[in-house]
Amino acid sequence: MSNNPYIYMMTNPQGKKYIGQHNGKKKNYRGSGRELDKTFTKRILLYCESADLNRNEEALITAYDTYYNGCNRTPYAIGFHNPRWKMSAEQKRAYSEKLRKCNKGGFIKPTGISTEVFKKEVIQLGNIALASRKLGIGFSTIHSRFKKENITCIYEGGRNKGPGLKVVEFK
């Protein structure tokens, strides 16, 4: 590797990608330090001037869709340190958890999907597990949203839980 700054892509064994930047000064830089483990493979995408690192990283995060369908915690270069990214401490912890799950293969992407879409898919498909698979998100994403918003699934026969029962409404 040269001493030139570059944009790199890390890919985990499940195929999830992370885009990052490096100033090129550390010869054996793995990428994002402790947050990406050694099972990730690294590929340099672009060498560029230091002044262009942020712009190029953001363009590649968008091009590879690694914010919504990968391991990037923010859509911006330099992650949480970017002044455009305003998050509470709790939101930062949640996105850190995202990378932790990415390392373990249990990746859950952040979602802009509304609760109403979640509810529609759960009713249409009969349960949260099938809806989460169709939407390409983790089961816990829907379950957590419902819990946070105090939404209870009502199953066929009026029960409030039971294996193999179809969700018919919410309260």
Protein backbone atom coordinates (compact mmCIF):
# COMPACT_ATOMS: atom_id res chain seq x y z
CA MET A 1 0.00 0.00 0.00
CA SER A 2 1.13 3.50 -0.66
CA ASN A 3 0.95 6.56 1.58
CA ASN A 4 -1.91 7.94 -0.48
CA PRO A 5 -5.32 8.42 1.15
CA TYR A 6 -7.96 5.99 -0.04
CA ILE A 7 -11.56 4.81 0.21
CA TYR A 8 -11.98 1.11 1.02
CA MET A 9 -14.77 -1.43 1.22
CA MET A 10 -14.95 -4.16 3.85
CA THR A 11 -17.23 -7.17 3.25
CA ASN A 12 -18.33 -9.62 5.94
CA PRO A 13 -18.88 -13.35 5.32
CA GLN A 14 -22.62 -12.73 4.82
CA GLY A 15 -21.87 -10.22 2.05
CA LYS A 16 -22.69 -7.04 3.99
CA LYS A 17 -20.42 -4.16 3.02
CA TYR A 18 -18.90 -1.19 4.82
CA ILE A 19 -17.34 1.84 3.09
CA GLY A 20 -14.64 3.82 4.91
CA GLN A 21 -11.67 6.10 4.38
CA HIS A 22 -8.06 6.05 5.47
CA ASN A 23 -5.35 8.68 5.34
CA GLY A 24 -2.88 6.09 4.02
CA LYS A 25 -0.32 6.64 6.79
CA LYS A 26 -0.73 3.34 8.67
CA LYS A 27 0.51 0.45 6.53
CA ASN A 28 -1.66 -2.38 7.94
CA TYR A 29 -4.87 -0.42 8.56
CA ARG A 30 -7.83 -2.88 8.73
CA GLY A 31 -10.61 -0.31 8.72
CA SER A 32 -12.68 1.16 11.55
CA GLY A 33 -10.50 -0.50 14.16
CA ARG A 34 -12.30 -2.63 16.73
CA GLU A 35 -15.71 -2.40 15.08
CA LEU A 36 -14.95 -4.56 12.04
CA ASP A 37 -13.50 -7.93 12.85
CA LYS A 38 -10.94 -9.99 10.98
CA THR A 39 -13.56 -12.02 9.07
CA PHE A 40 -14.17 -8.98 6.86
CA THR A 41 -12.26 -8.81 3.59
CA LYS A 42 -10.87 -5.46 2.51
CA ARG A 43 -10.71 -3.93 -0.96
CA ILE A 44 -9.40 -0.49 -1.87
CA LEU A 45 -11.91 1.23 -4.12
CA LEU A 46 -10.26 4.57 -4.82
CA TYR A 47 -7.08 6.50 -4.10
CA CYS A 48 -7.66 10.24 -3.81
CA GLU A 49 -6.41 13.48 -2.31
CA SER A 50 -7.07 14.05 1.40
CA ALA A 51 -9.35 16.97 0.56
CA ASP A 52 -11.60 14.62 -1.47
CA LEU A 53 -11.90 11.79 1.07
CA ASN A 54 -15.24 12.84 2.60
CA ARG A 55 -16.92 13.60 -0.72
CA ASN A 56 -15.73 10.32 -2.26
CA GLU A 57 -16.66 8.25 0.78
CA GLU A 58 -20.21 9.64 0.82
CA ALA A 59 -20.59 9.03 -2.92
CA LEU A 60 -19.48 5.41 -2.51
CA ILE A 61 -21.72 4.86 0.55
CA THR A 62 -24.60 5.93 -1.70
CA ALA A 63 -23.41 3.97 -4.74
CA TYR A 64 -23.00 0.73 -2.79
CA ASP A 65 -26.07 1.45 -0.59
CA THR A 66 -24.12 0.55 2.54
CA TYR A 67 -26.13 2.76 4.88
CA TYR A 68 -29.48 1.03 4.25
CA ASN A 69 -28.18 -2.35 3.10
CA GLY A 70 -24.75 -2.59 4.63
CA CYS A 71 -22.74 -1.84 7.74
CA ASN A 72 -22.27 1.95 7.58
CA ARG A 73 -23.82 3.58 10.65
CA THR A 74 -24.42 6.91 8.92
CA PRO A 75 -24.84 8.07 5.33
CA TYR A 76 -22.00 10.56 5.87
CA ALA A 77 -18.24 10.41 5.76
CA ILE A 78 -16.45 10.19 9.12
CA GLY A 79 -19.56 8.73 10.71
CA PHE A 80 -20.77 10.27 13.96
CA HIS A 81 -18.05 12.92 13.83
CA ASN A 82 -19.68 14.56 10.81
CA PRO A 83 -21.42 17.77 11.96
CA ARG A 84 -24.40 16.96 9.70
CA TRP A 85 -25.14 13.82 11.73
CA LYS A 86 -27.08 14.80 14.85
CA MET A 87 -27.91 11.86 17.12
CA SER A 88 -28.70 11.33 20.74
CA ALA A 89 -26.47 9.09 22.82
CA GLU A 90 -29.17 6.39 22.63
CA GLN A 91 -29.27 6.57 18.81
CA LYS A 92 -25.48 6.27 18.69
CA ARG A 93 -25.65 3.16 20.90
CA ALA A 94 -28.30 1.67 18.60
CA TYR A 95 -26.15 2.21 15.52
CA SER A 96 -23.11 0.78 17.30
CA GLU A 97 -25.23 -2.29 17.97
CA LYS A 98 -25.89 -2.41 14.22
CA LEU A 99 -22.19 -2.88 13.50
CA ARG A 100 -21.85 -5.43 16.28
CA LYS A 101 -24.64 -7.47 14.70
CA CYS A 102 -23.02 -7.02 11.30
CA ASN A 103 -19.93 -8.76 12.66
CA LYS A 104 -22.05 -11.64 13.97
CA GLY A 105 -24.14 -12.03 10.81
CA GLY A 106 -27.31 -10.90 12.57
CA PHE A 107 -27.36 -7.64 10.66
CA ILE A 108 -30.39 -5.42 11.16
CA LYS A 109 -30.49 -2.40 8.92
CA PRO A 110 -31.89 0.95 9.98
CA THR A 111 -35.22 1.44 8.36
CA GLY A 112 -37.35 4.29 7.14
CA ILE A 113 -40.27 1.87 6.80
CA SER A 114 -43.36 3.15 8.57
CA THR A 115 -45.21 1.28 11.28
CA GLU A 116 -48.26 1.22 8.99
CA VAL A 117 -46.26 -0.68 6.34
CA PHE A 118 -45.09 -3.13 9.01
CA LYS A 119 -48.69 -3.68 10.13
CA LYS A 120 -49.94 -4.13 6.55
CA GLU A 121 -47.28 -6.75 5.78
CA VAL A 122 -47.84 -8.62 9.05
CA ILE A 123 -51.60 -8.83 8.38
CA GLN A 124 -51.08 -9.77 4.71
CA LEU A 125 -48.52 -12.49 5.46
CA GLY A 126 -49.91 -13.60 8.81
CA ASN A 127 -46.94 -13.08 11.11
CA ILE A 128 -43.94 -10.93 11.94
CA ALA A 129 -41.36 -13.49 10.81
CA LEU A 130 -42.71 -13.69 7.24
CA ALA A 131 -43.16 -9.91 7.05
CA SER A 132 -39.59 -9.29 8.20
CA ARG A 133 -38.24 -11.70 5.56
CA LYS A 134 -40.27 -10.02 2.81
CA LEU A 135 -39.09 -6.56 3.87
CA GLY A 136 -35.48 -7.74 4.20
CA ILE A 137 -35.16 -6.69 7.83
CA GLY A 138 -34.66 -8.51 11.10
CA PHE A 139 -37.62 -9.91 13.03
CA SER A 140 -36.59 -7.80 16.02
CA THR A 141 -36.89 -4.60 13.95
CA ILE A 142 -40.66 -5.06 13.62
CA HIS A 143 -41.09 -6.59 17.07
CA SER A 144 -39.17 -3.75 18.74
CA ARG A 145 -41.14 -1.11 16.84
CA PHE A 146 -44.44 -2.67 17.91
CA LYS A 147 -43.25 -2.91 21.51
CA LYS A 148 -42.01 0.69 21.51
CA GLU A 149 -45.35 1.92 20.14
CA ASN A 150 -47.41 -0.36 22.45
CA ILE A 151 -48.90 -2.30 19.54
CA THR A 152 -50.17 -5.78 20.38
CA CYS A 153 -50.79 -8.45 17.73
CA ILE A 154 -54.22 -10.11 17.97
CA TYR A 155 -54.23 -13.62 16.53
CA GLU A 156 -57.04 -15.62 14.98
CA GLY A 157 -59.50 -16.82 17.58
CA GLY A 158 -58.96 -13.68 19.68
CA ARG A 159 -55.79 -14.90 21.34
CA ASN A 160 -52.91 -12.57 21.96
CA LYS A 161 -50.20 -15.16 21.25
CA GLY A 162 -49.63 -18.65 20.03
CA PRO A 163 -47.33 -20.49 17.63
CA GLY A 164 -48.60 -20.85 14.10
CA LEU A 165 -51.54 -18.51 14.61
CA LYS A 166 -52.26 -15.83 12.04
CA VAL A 167 -52.21 -12.15 13.09
CA VAL A 168 -55.61 -10.66 12.21
CA GLU A 169 -55.51 -7.24 13.88
CA PHE A 170 -53.67 -4.95 16.27
CA LYS A 171 -54.59 -3.10 19.42
